[in-house]
Protein backbone atom coordinates (compact mmCIF):
# COMPACT_ATOMS: atom_id res chain seq x y z
CA MET A 1 0.96 9.64 17.98
CA ASN A 2 -2.04 12.28 17.50
CA ASP A 3 -5.22 10.13 17.42
CA ILE A 4 -7.69 13.21 17.10
CA GLY A 5 -10.88 12.24 15.74
CA LEU A 6 -10.56 8.46 16.41
CA ILE A 7 -12.62 7.95 19.47
CA GLY A 8 -13.25 4.26 19.94
CA ARG A 9 -10.28 3.00 17.95
CA GLU A 10 -7.76 2.72 20.50
CA SER A 11 -7.09 -1.20 19.81
CA GLU A 12 -7.00 -0.55 16.00
CA MET A 13 -4.45 2.16 16.52
CA ASP A 14 -2.47 -0.04 18.87
CA ARG A 15 -2.29 -2.99 16.40
CA ILE A 16 -1.46 -0.38 13.56
CA ARG A 17 1.68 1.13 15.80
CA VAL A 18 2.80 -2.30 16.42
CA PHE A 19 2.62 -3.01 12.74
CA LEU A 20 4.60 0.38 11.71
CA ASP A 21 7.14 -0.54 14.48
CA THR A 22 7.81 -4.05 12.73
CA ALA A 23 7.70 -2.75 9.18
CA ARG A 24 10.20 0.03 10.03
CA THR A 25 12.84 -2.72 10.65
CA GLU A 26 11.49 -5.76 9.29
CA GLY A 27 9.02 -5.13 6.68
CA GLY A 28 5.37 -6.63 6.46
CA ALA A 29 1.97 -6.21 5.29
CA LEU A 30 -1.36 -5.46 7.04
CA LEU A 31 -5.06 -5.32 5.33
CA VAL A 32 -7.70 -3.16 6.91
CA THR A 33 -11.26 -4.69 6.23
CA GLY A 34 -14.73 -3.50 7.24
CA GLU A 35 -17.82 -2.22 6.20
CA PRO A 36 -18.03 0.90 3.98
CA GLY A 37 -18.14 4.13 6.09
CA VAL A 38 -16.69 2.27 9.11
CA GLY A 39 -13.58 4.41 9.38
CA LYS A 40 -10.84 2.56 7.38
CA THR A 41 -9.56 5.72 5.66
CA GLY A 42 -9.56 7.48 9.01
CA LEU A 43 -7.19 4.80 10.25
CA LEU A 44 -4.98 4.81 7.05
CA ASN A 45 -4.84 8.69 7.65
CA ALA A 46 -3.82 8.40 11.32
CA ALA A 47 -1.09 5.64 10.38
CA SER A 48 0.22 7.94 7.79
CA GLU A 49 0.80 10.62 10.67
CA ALA A 50 2.33 8.13 12.76
CA ALA A 51 4.50 6.78 10.16
CA SER A 52 5.50 10.53 9.15
CA ALA A 53 6.26 11.15 12.92
CA VAL A 54 8.88 8.38 13.13
CA GLY A 55 10.60 9.36 9.87
CA MET A 56 9.07 6.96 7.44
CA ARG A 57 8.52 8.05 3.73
CA LEU A 58 5.03 7.72 2.74
CA LEU A 59 3.59 6.46 -0.61
CA ARG A 60 0.03 6.45 -1.41
CA ALA A 61 -2.32 5.38 -4.01
CA ALA A 62 -6.11 4.84 -3.93
CA GLY A 63 -8.22 2.81 -6.18
CA VAL A 64 -10.62 5.11 -8.26
CA GLU A 65 -13.70 3.56 -10.16
CA PHE A 66 -12.93 5.64 -13.23
CA GLU A 67 -9.18 4.29 -13.71
CA ALA A 68 -10.28 0.59 -12.83
CA GLU A 69 -10.02 -0.51 -16.45
CA THR A 70 -6.69 1.36 -17.14
CA SER A 71 -4.00 -1.15 -16.54
CA PHE A 72 -0.99 0.04 -14.16
CA SER A 73 -2.79 3.16 -13.05
CA GLY A 74 -2.74 2.40 -9.45
CA LEU A 75 0.95 1.53 -9.76
CA ASN A 76 1.57 4.71 -11.77
CA GLN A 77 0.13 6.79 -8.71
CA LEU A 78 2.05 4.91 -6.16
CA LEU A 79 5.33 5.01 -7.81
CA LEU A 80 5.21 8.48 -9.29
CA PRO A 81 7.11 10.01 -6.59
CA LEU A 82 10.04 7.58 -7.02
CA LEU A 83 10.49 8.29 -10.93
CA ASP A 84 14.05 9.76 -10.14
CA ALA A 85 15.30 6.54 -8.78
CA LEU A 86 14.29 4.60 -11.92
CA PRO A 87 17.80 4.97 -13.37
CA HIS A 88 19.29 3.42 -10.58
CA LEU A 89 17.52 0.23 -11.35
CA PRO A 90 18.94 -2.51 -13.42
CA ASP A 91 17.88 -2.24 -16.97
CA VAL A 92 15.43 -4.84 -17.15
CA HIS A 93 13.50 -3.36 -14.27
CA ARG A 94 13.84 0.44 -15.31
CA ASP A 95 12.52 -0.46 -18.70
CA ALA A 96 9.82 -2.48 -17.63
CA LEU A 97 8.58 0.10 -15.20
CA ASN A 98 9.04 2.80 -17.74
CA VAL A 99 6.60 0.98 -20.22
CA ALA A 100 4.13 -0.42 -17.75
CA LEU A 101 3.81 3.13 -16.14
CA GLY A 102 3.28 4.79 -19.52
CA PHE A 103 6.92 6.56 -19.62
CA GLY A 104 8.28 4.68 -22.38
CA ASP A 105 7.87 2.61 -25.52
CA GLY A 106 8.23 -1.01 -26.15
CA ALA A 107 6.54 -4.30 -25.69
CA ALA A 108 4.27 -4.76 -22.67
CA PRO A 109 6.57 -6.29 -19.80
CA SER A 110 5.46 -9.51 -18.08
CA ARG A 111 3.87 -8.96 -14.96
CA LEU A 112 6.59 -10.72 -12.95
CA VAL A 113 9.12 -8.48 -14.17
CA VAL A 114 7.10 -5.26 -13.42
CA SER A 115 6.26 -7.03 -10.00
CA ASN A 116 10.05 -7.56 -9.24
CA ALA A 117 10.87 -4.13 -10.61
CA ALA A 118 8.30 -2.60 -8.30
CA LEU A 119 9.75 -4.63 -5.33
CA VAL A 120 13.44 -3.73 -6.14
CA LEU A 121 12.52 0.05 -6.41
CA LEU A 122 10.43 0.01 -3.14
CA ARG A 123 13.40 -2.11 -1.46
CA GLN A 124 15.96 0.49 -2.66
CA THR A 125 14.20 3.46 -1.84
CA ALA A 126 13.72 2.17 1.94
CA VAL A 127 17.60 1.97 2.27
CA ALA A 128 17.71 5.74 2.73
CA ARG A 129 14.69 5.72 5.36
CA PRO A 130 11.90 3.19 5.77
CA VAL A 131 8.71 3.37 3.40
CA LEU A 132 5.06 3.00 4.07
CA VAL A 133 3.00 2.18 1.19
CA ILE A 134 -0.56 2.92 1.86
CA LEU A 135 -3.55 1.52 -0.34
CA ASP A 136 -6.96 2.76 -0.23
CA ASP A 137 -10.00 1.56 -1.75
CA LEU A 138 -8.48 -1.62 -2.92
CA PRO A 139 -11.69 -2.86 -4.77
CA TRP A 140 -11.11 -0.12 -7.40
CA LEU A 141 -7.48 -0.91 -7.90
CA ASP A 142 -6.97 -1.90 -11.42
CA ARG A 143 -6.19 -5.73 -12.05
CA ALA A 144 -2.65 -5.05 -13.19
CA SER A 145 -1.80 -2.96 -10.05
CA ALA A 146 -3.42 -5.12 -7.74
CA GLY A 147 -1.45 -8.15 -9.11
CA VAL A 148 1.89 -6.29 -8.68
CA LEU A 149 1.09 -5.00 -5.38
CA SER A 150 -0.13 -8.21 -4.04
CA PHE A 151 3.23 -9.76 -5.23
CA VAL A 152 4.98 -6.91 -3.42
CA ALA A 153 3.01 -7.63 -0.36
CA ARG A 154 4.23 -10.91 -0.02
CA ARG A 155 7.84 -10.52 -0.22
CA LEU A 156 8.57 -7.43 2.27
CA ALA A 157 9.95 -9.63 5.04
CA GLY A 158 13.69 -8.35 5.61
CA SER A 159 13.05 -4.99 4.24
CA GLN A 160 12.13 -1.49 5.70
CA VAL A 161 8.76 -1.29 3.74
CA GLY A 162 5.29 -1.65 4.97
CA LEU A 163 2.48 -1.95 2.98
CA LEU A 164 -0.97 -1.03 4.63
CA GLY A 165 -4.04 -1.33 2.36
CA ALA A 166 -7.87 -1.02 3.06
CA SER A 167 -10.64 -3.11 1.50
CA ARG A 168 -14.19 -3.78 2.12
CA THR A 169 -15.49 -6.75 4.12
CA GLY A 170 -16.94 -9.51 1.76
CA GLU A 171 -16.38 -7.30 -1.64
CA VAL A 172 -14.36 -9.04 -4.39
CA ASP A 173 -11.34 -7.32 -5.37
CA PHE A 174 -8.14 -7.98 -7.64
CA PHE A 175 -5.84 -7.83 -4.80
CA ASP A 176 -5.16 -11.19 -3.57
CA HIS A 177 -5.48 -11.17 0.50
CA THR A 178 -4.71 -14.77 0.86
CA GLY A 179 -2.32 -15.17 3.71
CA LEU A 180 -1.95 -11.58 4.66
CA PRO A 181 -2.58 -10.32 8.33
CA GLU A 182 -5.92 -8.50 8.40
CA LEU A 183 -7.15 -6.01 10.81
CA GLU A 184 -11.21 -5.95 10.65
CA VAL A 185 -12.72 -2.65 11.74
CA ARG A 186 -16.04 -3.00 13.24
CA ARG A 187 -18.91 -0.52 13.60
CA LEU A 188 -18.24 1.68 16.89
CA ASP A 189 -20.42 0.93 19.93
CA ASP A 190 -22.91 3.19 20.90
CA ALA A 191 -21.13 5.23 23.56
CA ALA A 192 -18.33 5.80 21.14
CA ALA A 193 -20.41 6.72 18.41
CA GLY A 194 -22.44 9.21 20.38
């Protein structure tokens, strides 16, 4: 993998490489945490390159402040590339995602049904080739998307889906970190920063 521009991040990249190897065959989630500006997005970009190099399909979303109040906006951003696969889902899951993502009419589906639908869609997509979900700026992810993706993150074992998310240390967000492995990114030492 090419780690150009990531001076002083060898241990973090080693951990991410191990995570990607596991995610490709067994699934899993890893949260990258750290202070603002410490380089979390740079690590996500390097992970994206590494995943592409080994043939994983990438799905990315980033929380955005102006969309934080729009339900399922983050999920829409993430799953938009998979719209062609919706017809292959069971009716209940297809209908729930169509409504939640804003592509269909109907009563608002329960978050549990949307969560299961997203999980089934990702697992089915990974049958063709492993998938890496990258979520940047979790503090700005809307509550509904954060709930769905927290649910998904805990149910990836046995799949070929990895979820890599980035969040600020100590900042409250709607994504539930409880029980998920974390990689804390610290400030670079003086030598690496120089």
